Amino acid sequence: MPADADARDDLAALRKEYGDRGLAEADVPDDPWVLWQRWFDDVAAAGVHEPNAMVVATVDPDGTPSARMVLLKGVQAAGAGEGFRFFTNTGSRKGQALAHEPRCALLFPWHPLERQVRVEGTAVPLAEADVTSYFSSRPRGSQLGAWASPQSAVVSGRGALEDAYRAAEDRFTGQDVPVPPAWGGYVVRPASFEFWQGRPGRLHDRIRYARAAAEGWSRTRLAP
């Protein structure tokens, strides 16, 4: 049997029985933000590496789906700025995708706690003041890297990036590093949340919240 067939068989045989911690309708709050914060606190307390890591899924102008991991850099549960914040080069593939189609999806893959949270919503560009405030809080090396990297563009090699980084170092020697023109942030305003809790026998719990009238939320259970 070919080696790749062995690998496929090994993958098919991988199984893990999930725990019996449940997610009952009677135990979840009316507001999904309350449950999201509770779960995030659990993940952070458990020492999970980068608990703020999330997948952002977008659709390119030609209809091609794309997903990548980014770091969540802010949360607001109510008001005009409600949503999940992240920052990136706006000329990157995801930036171009969001400019064309701002609807997107987020996924928080909290496997060590046998949980995941899915969010669907719309990405809105952050105000310049918010972008500047966050950029100024970044380590200087990260600021210079933002100038050096034409994110998602083809480059000739690692050396080209390192040369661009050194050029940025020289350019901003002795001064604060400003925000690059093609760098910004987004707040993803959720239209729905889905909380997934692993359960024995693959009868997982899936509780979905959808935005309802008057800024409230409806809640339903989905089959696993």
N, C-alpha and C. Protein backbone atom coordinates (compact mmCIF):
# COMPACT_ATOMS: atom_id res chain seq x y z
N MET A 1 0.85 -1.19 0.00
CA MET A 1 0.00 0.00 0.00
C MET A 1 0.88 1.25 0.00
N PRO A 2 0.60 2.26 -0.84
CA PRO A 2 1.41 3.46 -0.90
C PRO A 2 1.43 4.17 0.44
N ALA A 3 2.53 4.90 0.69
CA ALA A 3 2.69 5.60 1.96
C ALA A 3 1.58 6.61 2.18
N ASP A 4 1.14 7.29 1.09
CA ASP A 4 0.10 8.29 1.28
C ASP A 4 -1.21 7.65 1.68
N ALA A 5 -1.46 6.41 1.24
CA ALA A 5 -2.66 5.70 1.66
C ALA A 5 -2.60 5.39 3.16
N ASP A 6 -1.40 4.98 3.63
CA ASP A 6 -1.23 4.75 5.06
C ASP A 6 -1.55 6.00 5.85
N ALA A 7 -1.07 7.14 5.36
CA ALA A 7 -1.32 8.40 6.04
C ALA A 7 -2.81 8.71 6.10
N ARG A 8 -3.50 8.44 4.98
CA ARG A 8 -4.94 8.69 4.97
C ARG A 8 -5.65 7.79 5.95
N ASP A 9 -5.25 6.51 6.01
CA ASP A 9 -5.87 5.60 6.95
C ASP A 9 -5.63 6.05 8.38
N ASP A 10 -4.42 6.51 8.66
CA ASP A 10 -4.12 7.00 10.00
C ASP A 10 -5.00 8.18 10.37
N LEU A 11 -5.22 9.09 9.42
CA LEU A 11 -6.07 10.24 9.70
C LEU A 11 -7.51 9.81 9.95
N ALA A 12 -7.98 8.86 9.17
CA ALA A 12 -9.36 8.39 9.34
C ALA A 12 -9.57 7.72 10.68
N ALA A 13 -8.49 7.15 11.23
CA ALA A 13 -8.60 6.43 12.50
C ALA A 13 -8.45 7.34 13.72
N LEU A 14 -8.04 8.59 13.48
CA LEU A 14 -7.86 9.51 14.61
C LEU A 14 -9.22 9.85 15.21
N ARG A 15 -9.37 9.56 16.48
CA ARG A 15 -10.61 9.87 17.17
C ARG A 15 -10.32 10.30 18.59
N LYS A 16 -11.17 11.17 19.09
CA LYS A 16 -11.06 11.59 20.48
C LYS A 16 -12.47 11.68 21.05
N GLU A 17 -12.67 11.03 22.17
CA GLU A 17 -13.98 11.11 22.81
C GLU A 17 -14.04 12.41 23.61
N TYR A 18 -15.05 13.20 23.34
CA TYR A 18 -15.17 14.49 24.01
C TYR A 18 -15.78 14.31 25.40
N GLY A 19 -15.54 15.31 26.24
CA GLY A 19 -16.00 15.24 27.62
C GLY A 19 -17.50 15.41 27.76
N ASP A 20 -17.95 15.36 28.98
CA ASP A 20 -19.40 15.41 29.22
C ASP A 20 -19.85 16.78 29.72
N ARG A 21 -18.98 17.78 29.61
CA ARG A 21 -19.39 19.13 29.98
C ARG A 21 -20.37 19.62 28.92
N GLY A 22 -21.54 20.05 29.32
CA GLY A 22 -22.59 20.35 28.36
C GLY A 22 -22.88 21.83 28.24
N LEU A 23 -23.77 22.13 27.31
CA LEU A 23 -24.20 23.50 27.07
C LEU A 23 -25.71 23.47 26.89
N ALA A 24 -26.43 23.64 28.00
CA ALA A 24 -27.89 23.57 27.98
C ALA A 24 -28.48 24.97 27.85
N GLU A 25 -29.60 25.03 27.18
CA GLU A 25 -30.25 26.33 26.98
C GLU A 25 -30.53 27.04 28.31
N ALA A 26 -30.86 26.27 29.33
CA ALA A 26 -31.17 26.87 30.63
C ALA A 26 -29.96 27.51 31.29
N ASP A 27 -28.78 27.13 30.83
CA ASP A 27 -27.56 27.60 31.48
C ASP A 27 -26.84 28.71 30.70
N VAL A 28 -27.36 29.09 29.54
CA VAL A 28 -26.67 30.11 28.75
C VAL A 28 -27.42 31.44 28.85
N PRO A 29 -26.70 32.55 28.81
CA PRO A 29 -27.34 33.87 28.95
C PRO A 29 -28.08 34.28 27.69
N ASP A 30 -28.91 35.29 27.81
CA ASP A 30 -29.63 35.81 26.65
C ASP A 30 -28.71 36.55 25.68
N ASP A 31 -27.62 37.10 26.22
CA ASP A 31 -26.70 37.89 25.42
C ASP A 31 -25.47 37.05 25.06
N PRO A 32 -25.20 36.82 23.76
CA PRO A 32 -24.06 35.99 23.39
C PRO A 32 -22.72 36.59 23.81
N TRP A 33 -22.65 37.89 23.94
CA TRP A 33 -21.40 38.51 24.37
C TRP A 33 -21.01 38.05 25.78
N VAL A 34 -22.00 37.85 26.63
CA VAL A 34 -21.71 37.39 27.99
C VAL A 34 -21.09 36.00 27.95
N LEU A 35 -21.64 35.12 27.11
CA LEU A 35 -21.11 33.76 27.01
C LEU A 35 -19.73 33.78 26.34
N TRP A 36 -19.55 34.60 25.31
CA TRP A 36 -18.24 34.68 24.66
C TRP A 36 -17.17 35.10 25.67
N GLN A 37 -17.47 36.12 26.47
CA GLN A 37 -16.49 36.58 27.45
C GLN A 37 -16.20 35.52 28.49
N ARG A 38 -17.23 34.79 28.91
CA ARG A 38 -17.06 33.72 29.88
C ARG A 38 -16.13 32.64 29.33
N TRP A 39 -16.37 32.25 28.08
CA TRP A 39 -15.53 31.22 27.47
C TRP A 39 -14.10 31.73 27.24
N PHE A 40 -13.97 32.98 26.82
CA PHE A 40 -12.63 33.52 26.62
C PHE A 40 -11.86 33.54 27.94
N ASP A 41 -12.51 33.91 29.01
CA ASP A 41 -11.86 33.91 30.33
C ASP A 41 -11.43 32.50 30.71
N ASP A 42 -12.26 31.51 30.38
CA ASP A 42 -11.90 30.11 30.67
C ASP A 42 -10.64 29.71 29.89
N VAL A 43 -10.59 30.10 28.62
CA VAL A 43 -9.45 29.74 27.78
C VAL A 43 -8.18 30.42 28.29
N ALA A 44 -8.28 31.69 28.63
CA ALA A 44 -7.12 32.42 29.13
C ALA A 44 -6.63 31.82 30.44
N ALA A 45 -7.57 31.46 31.32
CA ALA A 45 -7.21 30.89 32.62
C ALA A 45 -6.58 29.51 32.46
N ALA A 46 -6.93 28.80 31.39
CA ALA A 46 -6.39 27.47 31.15
C ALA A 46 -4.98 27.52 30.57
N GLY A 47 -4.48 28.71 30.26
CA GLY A 47 -3.14 28.84 29.74
C GLY A 47 -2.99 28.47 28.28
N VAL A 48 -4.09 28.51 27.53
CA VAL A 48 -4.02 28.19 26.10
C VAL A 48 -3.14 29.21 25.38
N HIS A 49 -2.25 28.72 24.52
CA HIS A 49 -1.35 29.60 23.78
C HIS A 49 -2.16 30.53 22.87
N GLU A 50 -1.92 31.82 22.98
CA GLU A 50 -2.59 32.84 22.19
C GLU A 50 -4.11 32.62 22.13
N PRO A 51 -4.78 32.79 23.26
CA PRO A 51 -6.23 32.58 23.28
C PRO A 51 -6.98 33.55 22.38
N ASN A 52 -6.33 34.64 21.99
CA ASN A 52 -6.98 35.62 21.11
C ASN A 52 -6.75 35.34 19.63
N ALA A 53 -6.17 34.18 19.31
CA ALA A 53 -6.01 33.82 17.90
C ALA A 53 -7.37 33.44 17.31
N MET A 54 -7.65 33.94 16.11
CA MET A 54 -8.92 33.62 15.46
C MET A 54 -8.70 33.52 13.96
N VAL A 55 -9.52 32.71 13.33
CA VAL A 55 -9.50 32.58 11.88
C VAL A 55 -10.46 33.61 11.29
N VAL A 56 -9.99 34.32 10.27
CA VAL A 56 -10.85 35.25 9.53
C VAL A 56 -11.04 34.68 8.13
N ALA A 57 -12.28 34.44 7.75
CA ALA A 57 -12.60 33.89 6.43
C ALA A 57 -13.26 34.98 5.59
N THR A 58 -12.77 35.14 4.36
CA THR A 58 -13.27 36.17 3.45
C THR A 58 -13.54 35.55 2.08
N VAL A 59 -14.08 36.37 1.19
CA VAL A 59 -14.33 35.94 -0.19
C VAL A 59 -13.67 36.95 -1.12
N ASP A 60 -12.78 36.47 -2.00
CA ASP A 60 -12.10 37.33 -2.95
C ASP A 60 -13.08 37.88 -3.99
N PRO A 61 -12.70 38.95 -4.69
CA PRO A 61 -13.58 39.51 -5.73
C PRO A 61 -14.01 38.49 -6.79
N ASP A 62 -13.17 37.46 -7.04
CA ASP A 62 -13.55 36.45 -8.04
C ASP A 62 -14.35 35.30 -7.43
N GLY A 63 -14.70 35.41 -6.15
CA GLY A 63 -15.52 34.39 -5.49
C GLY A 63 -14.72 33.32 -4.77
N THR A 64 -13.39 33.39 -4.81
CA THR A 64 -12.57 32.39 -4.15
C THR A 64 -12.56 32.62 -2.63
N PRO A 65 -12.89 31.60 -1.83
CA PRO A 65 -12.84 31.77 -0.38
C PRO A 65 -11.40 31.72 0.12
N SER A 66 -11.14 32.37 1.23
CA SER A 66 -9.80 32.40 1.79
C SER A 66 -9.90 32.55 3.30
N ALA A 67 -9.00 31.90 4.03
CA ALA A 67 -9.02 31.98 5.48
C ALA A 67 -7.59 32.05 6.00
N ARG A 68 -7.43 32.76 7.12
CA ARG A 68 -6.12 32.88 7.74
C ARG A 68 -6.30 33.20 9.22
N MET A 69 -5.23 32.94 9.99
CA MET A 69 -5.25 33.22 11.41
C MET A 69 -4.73 34.63 11.67
N VAL A 70 -5.45 35.38 12.51
CA VAL A 70 -5.00 36.69 12.95
C VAL A 70 -5.19 36.75 14.46
N LEU A 71 -4.74 37.85 15.06
CA LEU A 71 -4.91 38.02 16.50
C LEU A 71 -5.98 39.06 16.78
N LEU A 72 -6.92 38.69 17.61
CA LEU A 72 -7.96 39.62 18.07
C LEU A 72 -7.30 40.67 18.95
N LYS A 73 -7.58 41.96 18.66
CA LYS A 73 -6.92 43.03 19.40
C LYS A 73 -7.89 43.96 20.12
N GLY A 74 -9.13 43.59 20.18
CA GLY A 74 -10.08 44.40 20.92
C GLY A 74 -11.48 43.85 20.79
N VAL A 75 -12.27 44.04 21.84
CA VAL A 75 -13.66 43.58 21.85
C VAL A 75 -14.52 44.66 22.48
N GLN A 76 -15.64 44.93 21.85
CA GLN A 76 -16.63 45.83 22.45
C GLN A 76 -17.99 45.17 22.30
N ALA A 77 -18.69 45.02 23.41
CA ALA A 77 -19.91 44.22 23.42
C ALA A 77 -21.18 45.02 23.14
N ALA A 78 -21.09 46.33 23.05
CA ALA A 78 -22.30 47.12 22.83
C ALA A 78 -21.92 48.47 22.24
N GLY A 79 -22.92 49.15 21.71
CA GLY A 79 -22.70 50.49 21.21
C GLY A 79 -22.27 50.53 19.76
N ALA A 80 -21.92 51.73 19.30
CA ALA A 80 -21.58 51.94 17.89
C ALA A 80 -20.34 51.16 17.49
N GLY A 81 -19.44 50.91 18.42
CA GLY A 81 -18.21 50.19 18.09
C GLY A 81 -18.27 48.72 18.40
N GLU A 82 -19.47 48.17 18.54
CA GLU A 82 -19.61 46.75 18.90
C GLU A 82 -18.91 45.85 17.89
N GLY A 83 -18.18 44.87 18.40
CA GLY A 83 -17.57 43.89 17.51
C GLY A 83 -16.18 43.47 17.93
N PHE A 84 -15.56 42.69 17.05
CA PHE A 84 -14.23 42.13 17.24
C PHE A 84 -13.24 42.90 16.37
N ARG A 85 -12.15 43.39 16.96
CA ARG A 85 -11.18 44.22 16.24
C ARG A 85 -9.91 43.45 15.88
N PHE A 86 -9.43 43.71 14.67
CA PHE A 86 -8.11 43.23 14.29
C PHE A 86 -7.50 44.23 13.33
N PHE A 87 -6.17 44.14 13.15
CA PHE A 87 -5.44 45.10 12.34
C PHE A 87 -4.62 44.36 11.28
N THR A 88 -4.39 45.02 10.15
CA THR A 88 -3.69 44.37 9.05
C THR A 88 -3.30 45.40 8.00
N ASN A 89 -2.54 44.95 7.02
CA ASN A 89 -2.26 45.75 5.83
C ASN A 89 -3.53 45.72 4.97
N THR A 90 -4.09 46.88 4.70
CA THR A 90 -5.36 46.93 3.96
C THR A 90 -5.19 46.58 2.48
N GLY A 91 -3.94 46.53 2.02
CA GLY A 91 -3.69 46.11 0.65
C GLY A 91 -3.45 44.62 0.52
N SER A 92 -3.48 43.90 1.64
CA SER A 92 -3.29 42.46 1.64
C SER A 92 -4.47 41.76 0.97
N ARG A 93 -4.35 40.45 0.82
CA ARG A 93 -5.45 39.71 0.20
C ARG A 93 -6.73 39.87 1.00
N LYS A 94 -6.65 39.77 2.33
CA LYS A 94 -7.88 39.91 3.11
C LYS A 94 -8.41 41.33 3.07
N GLY A 95 -7.49 42.33 3.02
CA GLY A 95 -7.94 43.70 2.91
C GLY A 95 -8.67 43.97 1.61
N GLN A 96 -8.13 43.45 0.52
CA GLN A 96 -8.80 43.62 -0.77
C GLN A 96 -10.13 42.88 -0.81
N ALA A 97 -10.16 41.70 -0.17
CA ALA A 97 -11.41 40.94 -0.14
C ALA A 97 -12.48 41.69 0.64
N LEU A 98 -12.10 42.25 1.79
CA LEU A 98 -13.07 42.96 2.62
C LEU A 98 -13.54 44.25 1.96
N ALA A 99 -12.68 44.87 1.16
CA ALA A 99 -13.10 46.07 0.43
C ALA A 99 -14.18 45.73 -0.59
N HIS A 100 -14.08 44.52 -1.16
CA HIS A 100 -15.06 44.07 -2.15
C HIS A 100 -16.31 43.51 -1.49
N GLU A 101 -16.13 42.68 -0.47
CA GLU A 101 -17.24 42.02 0.24
C GLU A 101 -16.95 42.06 1.73
N PRO A 102 -17.54 43.00 2.45
CA PRO A 102 -17.24 43.14 3.88
C PRO A 102 -17.84 42.05 4.77
N ARG A 103 -18.75 41.26 4.24
CA ARG A 103 -19.26 40.15 5.04
C ARG A 103 -18.17 39.09 5.19
N CYS A 104 -18.02 38.59 6.40
CA CYS A 104 -16.94 37.66 6.67
C CYS A 104 -17.33 36.76 7.84
N ALA A 105 -16.45 35.83 8.16
CA ALA A 105 -16.70 34.90 9.28
C ALA A 105 -15.44 34.81 10.13
N LEU A 106 -15.64 34.61 11.43
CA LEU A 106 -14.56 34.41 12.38
C LEU A 106 -14.72 33.04 13.03
N LEU A 107 -13.60 32.45 13.43
CA LEU A 107 -13.64 31.19 14.16
C LEU A 107 -12.60 31.24 15.27
N PHE A 108 -13.04 30.97 16.50
CA PHE A 108 -12.14 30.86 17.64
C PHE A 108 -11.98 29.36 17.93
N PRO A 109 -10.82 28.78 17.61
CA PRO A 109 -10.62 27.32 17.73
C PRO A 109 -10.02 26.93 19.08
N TRP A 110 -10.84 26.86 20.08
CA TRP A 110 -10.36 26.61 21.44
C TRP A 110 -10.39 25.10 21.74
N HIS A 111 -9.55 24.34 21.01
CA HIS A 111 -9.55 22.88 21.08
C HIS A 111 -9.24 22.33 22.48
N PRO A 112 -8.28 22.91 23.23
CA PRO A 112 -7.97 22.31 24.54
C PRO A 112 -9.17 22.24 25.48
N LEU A 113 -10.14 23.12 25.30
CA LEU A 113 -11.34 23.09 26.12
C LEU A 113 -12.51 22.45 25.38
N GLU A 114 -12.22 21.85 24.22
CA GLU A 114 -13.24 21.18 23.41
C GLU A 114 -14.36 22.15 23.03
N ARG A 115 -13.94 23.35 22.66
CA ARG A 115 -14.89 24.40 22.32
C ARG A 115 -14.45 25.12 21.05
N GLN A 116 -15.43 25.68 20.36
CA GLN A 116 -15.16 26.63 19.30
C GLN A 116 -16.32 27.61 19.23
N VAL A 117 -16.01 28.81 18.77
CA VAL A 117 -17.05 29.82 18.57
C VAL A 117 -16.95 30.32 17.14
N ARG A 118 -18.06 30.30 16.45
CA ARG A 118 -18.14 30.83 15.10
C ARG A 118 -18.93 32.13 15.12
N VAL A 119 -18.46 33.10 14.38
CA VAL A 119 -19.12 34.40 14.28
C VAL A 119 -19.25 34.76 12.81
N GLU A 120 -20.42 35.22 12.42
CA GLU A 120 -20.62 35.75 11.07
C GLU A 120 -21.07 37.20 11.20
N GLY A 121 -20.50 38.06 10.38
CA GLY A 121 -20.84 39.47 10.48
C GLY A 121 -20.27 40.28 9.35
N THR A 122 -20.13 41.58 9.59
CA THR A 122 -19.66 42.52 8.58
C THR A 122 -18.48 43.30 9.12
N ALA A 123 -17.43 43.39 8.34
CA ALA A 123 -16.22 44.11 8.74
C ALA A 123 -16.34 45.58 8.34
N VAL A 124 -16.11 46.46 9.29
CA VAL A 124 -16.16 47.90 9.06
C VAL A 124 -14.78 48.49 9.35
N PRO A 125 -14.21 49.29 8.45
CA PRO A 125 -12.90 49.88 8.72
C PRO A 125 -12.93 50.75 9.97
N LEU A 126 -11.88 50.66 10.76
CA LEU A 126 -11.78 51.47 11.97
C LEU A 126 -11.36 52.89 11.63
N ALA A 127 -11.72 53.81 12.52
CA ALA A 127 -11.34 55.20 12.34
C ALA A 127 -9.83 55.36 12.44
N GLU A 128 -9.32 56.39 11.78
CA GLU A 128 -7.88 56.64 11.77
C GLU A 128 -7.32 56.77 13.17
N ALA A 129 -8.08 57.41 14.07
CA ALA A 129 -7.60 57.59 15.44
C ALA A 129 -7.42 56.26 16.15
N ASP A 130 -8.33 55.30 15.90
CA ASP A 130 -8.21 53.98 16.51
C ASP A 130 -6.99 53.24 15.97
N VAL A 131 -6.77 53.37 14.67
CA VAL A 131 -5.62 52.70 14.04
C VAL A 131 -4.32 53.28 14.58
N THR A 132 -4.24 54.60 14.66
CA THR A 132 -3.03 55.25 15.15
C THR A 132 -2.76 54.88 16.60
N SER A 133 -3.81 54.84 17.42
CA SER A 133 -3.65 54.50 18.83
C SER A 133 -3.09 53.10 18.99
N TYR A 134 -3.62 52.14 18.23
CA TYR A 134 -3.12 50.78 18.35
C TYR A 134 -1.70 50.66 17.79
N PHE A 135 -1.46 51.27 16.63
CA PHE A 135 -0.15 51.15 16.00
C PHE A 135 0.95 51.69 16.91
N SER A 136 0.66 52.78 17.62
CA SER A 136 1.66 53.37 18.50
C SER A 136 1.97 52.48 19.70
N SER A 137 1.07 51.53 20.00
CA SER A 137 1.29 50.63 21.14
C SER A 137 2.10 49.40 20.75
N ARG A 138 2.34 49.18 19.47
CA ARG A 138 3.06 47.99 19.01
C ARG A 138 4.56 48.14 19.29
N PRO A 139 5.26 47.02 19.47
CA PRO A 139 6.71 47.09 19.58
C PRO A 139 7.31 47.73 18.32
N ARG A 140 8.41 48.43 18.50
CA ARG A 140 9.01 49.13 17.35
C ARG A 140 9.34 48.16 16.22
N GLY A 141 9.80 46.98 16.55
CA GLY A 141 10.11 46.01 15.51
C GLY A 141 8.90 45.68 14.66
N SER A 142 7.75 45.56 15.29
CA SER A 142 6.52 45.27 14.54
C SER A 142 6.11 46.46 13.69
N GLN A 143 6.33 47.66 14.20
CA GLN A 143 6.02 48.86 13.42
C GLN A 143 6.89 48.91 12.16
N LEU A 144 8.18 48.64 12.33
CA LEU A 144 9.07 48.65 11.17
C LEU A 144 8.71 47.55 10.18
N GLY A 145 8.31 46.39 10.72
CA GLY A 145 7.91 45.29 9.86
C GLY A 145 6.71 45.64 9.00
N ALA A 146 5.81 46.46 9.55
CA ALA A 146 4.64 46.88 8.78
C ALA A 146 5.04 47.74 7.58
N TRP A 147 6.10 48.51 7.72
CA TRP A 147 6.61 49.30 6.60
C TRP A 147 7.36 48.42 5.60
N ALA A 148 8.04 47.41 6.11
CA ALA A 148 8.89 46.60 5.25
C ALA A 148 8.13 45.59 4.40
N SER A 149 6.98 45.15 4.88
CA SER A 149 6.29 44.04 4.21
C SER A 149 5.11 44.51 3.37
N PRO A 150 5.14 44.29 2.05
CA PRO A 150 3.98 44.51 1.20
C PRO A 150 3.07 43.29 1.28
N GLN A 151 2.37 43.14 2.34
CA GLN A 151 1.69 41.90 2.71
C GLN A 151 0.90 41.29 1.56
N SER A 152 1.11 40.00 1.33
CA SER A 152 0.45 39.18 0.31
C SER A 152 1.06 39.35 -1.08
N ALA A 153 1.95 40.33 -1.27
CA ALA A 153 2.57 40.51 -2.57
C ALA A 153 3.73 39.52 -2.74
N VAL A 154 4.02 39.17 -3.99
CA VAL A 154 5.15 38.29 -4.28
C VAL A 154 6.46 39.08 -4.07
N VAL A 155 7.42 38.47 -3.37
CA VAL A 155 8.74 39.09 -3.17
C VAL A 155 9.80 38.13 -3.70
N SER A 156 10.97 38.70 -4.00
CA SER A 156 12.01 37.90 -4.64
C SER A 156 12.67 36.91 -3.69
N GLY A 157 12.57 37.17 -2.39
CA GLY A 157 13.18 36.27 -1.43
C GLY A 157 13.23 36.91 -0.06
N ARG A 158 13.70 36.12 0.92
CA ARG A 158 13.82 36.62 2.29
C ARG A 158 14.73 37.86 2.36
N GLY A 159 15.76 37.85 1.52
CA GLY A 159 16.69 38.97 1.54
C GLY A 159 16.03 40.29 1.22
N ALA A 160 15.06 40.26 0.31
CA ALA A 160 14.36 41.50 -0.06
C ALA A 160 13.60 42.07 1.13
N LEU A 161 12.99 41.19 1.91
CA LEU A 161 12.27 41.66 3.09
C LEU A 161 13.24 42.23 4.13
N GLU A 162 14.36 41.54 4.33
CA GLU A 162 15.33 42.04 5.30
C GLU A 162 15.94 43.36 4.86
N ASP A 163 16.16 43.53 3.56
CA ASP A 163 16.65 44.81 3.05
C ASP A 163 15.63 45.91 3.30
N ALA A 164 14.35 45.61 3.06
CA ALA A 164 13.30 46.59 3.28
C ALA A 164 13.18 46.96 4.76
N TYR A 165 13.41 45.98 5.62
CA TYR A 165 13.35 46.24 7.06
C TYR A 165 14.49 47.18 7.47
N ARG A 166 15.69 46.90 6.97
CA ARG A 166 16.83 47.77 7.29
C ARG A 166 16.61 49.18 6.74
N ALA A 167 16.00 49.28 5.59
CA ALA A 167 15.71 50.59 5.02
C ALA A 167 14.73 51.36 5.90
N ALA A 168 13.74 50.64 6.45
CA ALA A 168 12.78 51.29 7.36
C ALA A 168 13.48 51.73 8.65
N GLU A 169 14.39 50.89 9.15
CA GLU A 169 15.17 51.27 10.33
C GLU A 169 15.93 52.57 10.08
N ASP A 170 16.59 52.65 8.94
CA ASP A 170 17.36 53.85 8.62
C ASP A 170 16.45 55.06 8.45
N ARG A 171 15.32 54.84 7.79
CA ARG A 171 14.42 55.95 7.49
C ARG A 171 13.87 56.59 8.76
N PHE A 172 13.60 55.77 9.78
CA PHE A 172 12.96 56.30 10.98
C PHE A 172 13.89 56.35 12.19
N THR A 173 15.18 56.34 11.95
CA THR A 173 16.14 56.43 13.04
C THR A 173 15.90 57.72 13.85
N GLY A 174 15.81 57.56 15.16
CA GLY A 174 15.67 58.72 16.04
C GLY A 174 14.30 59.35 16.05
N GLN A 175 13.29 58.69 15.49
CA GLN A 175 11.94 59.25 15.49
C GLN A 175 10.91 58.15 15.65
N ASP A 176 9.70 58.55 16.01
CA ASP A 176 8.61 57.59 16.11
C ASP A 176 8.27 57.06 14.72
N VAL A 177 7.84 55.81 14.68
CA VAL A 177 7.45 55.20 13.40
C VAL A 177 5.97 55.52 13.15
N PRO A 178 5.67 56.21 12.05
CA PRO A 178 4.27 56.54 11.77
C PRO A 178 3.51 55.34 11.20
N VAL A 179 2.21 55.47 11.14
CA VAL A 179 1.37 54.41 10.56
C VAL A 179 1.58 54.38 9.05
N PRO A 180 1.90 53.23 8.47
CA PRO A 180 2.04 53.16 7.01
C PRO A 180 0.72 53.50 6.32
N PRO A 181 0.78 54.06 5.12
CA PRO A 181 -0.46 54.42 4.41
C PRO A 181 -1.39 53.23 4.20
N ALA A 182 -0.84 52.05 3.92
CA ALA A 182 -1.67 50.87 3.63
C ALA A 182 -1.80 49.99 4.85
N TRP A 183 -2.07 50.56 5.98
CA TRP A 183 -2.21 49.77 7.21
C TRP A 183 -3.42 50.30 7.97
N GLY A 184 -4.25 49.38 8.44
CA GLY A 184 -5.47 49.81 9.12
C GLY A 184 -6.05 48.70 9.96
N GLY A 185 -7.31 48.87 10.31
CA GLY A 185 -7.97 47.89 11.15
C GLY A 185 -9.44 47.79 10.82
N TYR A 186 -10.06 46.74 11.37
CA TYR A 186 -11.48 46.48 11.13
C TYR A 186 -12.15 46.09 12.44
N VAL A 187 -13.42 46.38 12.52
CA VAL A 187 -14.24 45.82 13.57
C VAL A 187 -15.31 44.97 12.89
N VAL A 188 -15.37 43.70 13.27
CA VAL A 188 -16.37 42.79 12.70
C VAL A 188 -17.60 42.82 13.59
N ARG A 189 -18.67 43.37 13.07
CA ARG A 189 -19.93 43.50 13.82
C ARG A 189 -20.75 42.23 13.60
N PRO A 190 -20.97 41.46 14.65
CA PRO A 190 -21.60 40.14 14.47
C PRO A 190 -23.09 40.20 14.17
N ALA A 191 -23.48 39.36 13.23
CA ALA A 191 -24.90 39.12 12.97
C ALA A 191 -25.34 37.82 13.63
N SER A 192 -24.37 36.92 13.90
CA SER A 192 -24.68 35.66 14.57
C SER A 192 -23.46 35.13 15.29
N PHE A 193 -23.72 34.34 16.33
CA PHE A 193 -22.71 33.59 17.07
C PHE A 193 -23.14 32.13 17.08
N GLU A 194 -22.17 31.22 17.04
CA GLU A 194 -22.47 29.83 17.32
C GLU A 194 -21.43 29.30 18.31
N PHE A 195 -21.93 28.76 19.42
CA PHE A 195 -21.07 28.19 20.45
C PHE A 195 -21.14 26.67 20.36
N TRP A 196 -19.98 26.05 20.19
CA TRP A 196 -19.88 24.61 19.99
C TRP A 196 -19.12 24.00 21.16
N GLN A 197 -19.76 23.02 21.80
CA GLN A 197 -19.14 22.31 22.93
C GLN A 197 -19.09 20.83 22.61
N GLY A 198 -17.89 20.23 22.64
CA GLY A 198 -17.77 18.81 22.37
C GLY A 198 -18.48 17.97 23.41
N ARG A 199 -19.15 16.90 22.94
CA ARG A 199 -19.87 15.99 23.83
C ARG A 199 -19.62 14.54 23.41
N PRO A 200 -19.83 13.58 24.31
CA PRO A 200 -19.62 12.17 23.96
C PRO A 200 -20.52 11.72 22.81
N GLY A 201 -20.04 10.71 22.09
CA GLY A 201 -20.83 10.14 21.00
C GLY A 201 -21.05 11.07 19.84
N ARG A 202 -20.27 12.12 19.77
CA ARG A 202 -20.40 13.14 18.72
C ARG A 202 -21.75 13.86 18.76
N LEU A 203 -22.45 13.78 19.88
CA LEU A 203 -23.68 14.56 20.04
C LEU A 203 -23.32 15.91 20.64
N HIS A 204 -22.54 16.67 19.90
CA HIS A 204 -22.03 17.93 20.39
C HIS A 204 -23.17 18.95 20.59
N ASP A 205 -22.93 19.88 21.49
CA ASP A 205 -23.87 20.97 21.70
C ASP A 205 -23.51 22.13 20.77
N ARG A 206 -24.52 22.66 20.08
CA ARG A 206 -24.35 23.82 19.22
C ARG A 206 -25.48 24.80 19.50
N ILE A 207 -25.15 25.92 20.10
CA ILE A 207 -26.14 26.95 20.41
C ILE A 207 -25.85 28.15 19.52
N ARG A 208 -26.85 28.54 18.76
CA ARG A 208 -26.68 29.65 17.83
C ARG A 208 -27.52 30.84 18.26
N TYR A 209 -26.88 32.00 18.24
CA TYR A 209 -27.58 33.28 18.48
C TYR A 209 -27.63 34.04 17.16
N ALA A 210 -28.78 34.61 16.84
CA ALA A 210 -28.92 35.45 15.66
C ALA A 210 -29.50 36.79 16.09
N ARG A 211 -29.01 37.84 15.48
CA ARG A 211 -29.49 39.16 15.86
C ARG A 211 -30.96 39.30 15.47
N ALA A 212 -31.75 39.75 16.42
CA ALA A 212 -33.19 39.90 16.22
C ALA A 212 -33.56 41.39 16.23
N ALA A 213 -34.84 41.66 16.20
CA ALA A 213 -35.31 43.05 16.19
C ALA A 213 -34.94 43.74 17.51
N ALA A 214 -34.90 45.05 17.43
CA ALA A 214 -34.65 45.88 18.62
C ALA A 214 -33.33 45.55 19.30
N GLU A 215 -32.34 45.17 18.49
CA GLU A 215 -30.98 44.90 18.99
C GLU A 215 -30.91 43.73 19.97
N GLY A 216 -31.92 42.88 19.97
CA GLY A 216 -31.87 41.69 20.81
C GLY A 216 -31.32 40.51 20.04
N TRP A 217 -31.36 39.32 20.68
CA TRP A 217 -30.83 38.11 20.06
C TRP A 217 -31.82 36.97 20.22
N SER A 218 -32.00 36.20 19.15
CA SER A 218 -32.77 34.96 19.24
C SER A 218 -31.78 33.82 19.43
N ARG A 219 -32.26 32.71 20.02
CA ARG A 219 -31.36 31.61 20.33
C ARG A 219 -31.99 30.29 19.90
N THR A 220 -31.20 29.45 19.23
CA THR A 220 -31.68 28.15 18.77
C THR A 220 -30.59 27.11 18.99
N ARG A 221 -31.00 25.84 18.97
CA ARG A 221 -30.05 24.74 19.03
C ARG A 221 -29.93 24.11 17.66
N LEU A 222 -28.70 23.81 17.24
CA LEU A 222 -28.44 23.16 15.97
C LEU A 222 -28.03 21.72 16.20
N ALA A 223 -28.40 20.85 15.28
CA ALA A 223 -27.95 19.46 15.36
C ALA A 223 -26.45 19.40 15.10
N PRO A 224 -25.74 18.48 15.78
CA PRO A 224 -24.28 18.39 15.58
C PRO A 224 -23.94 17.78 14.21
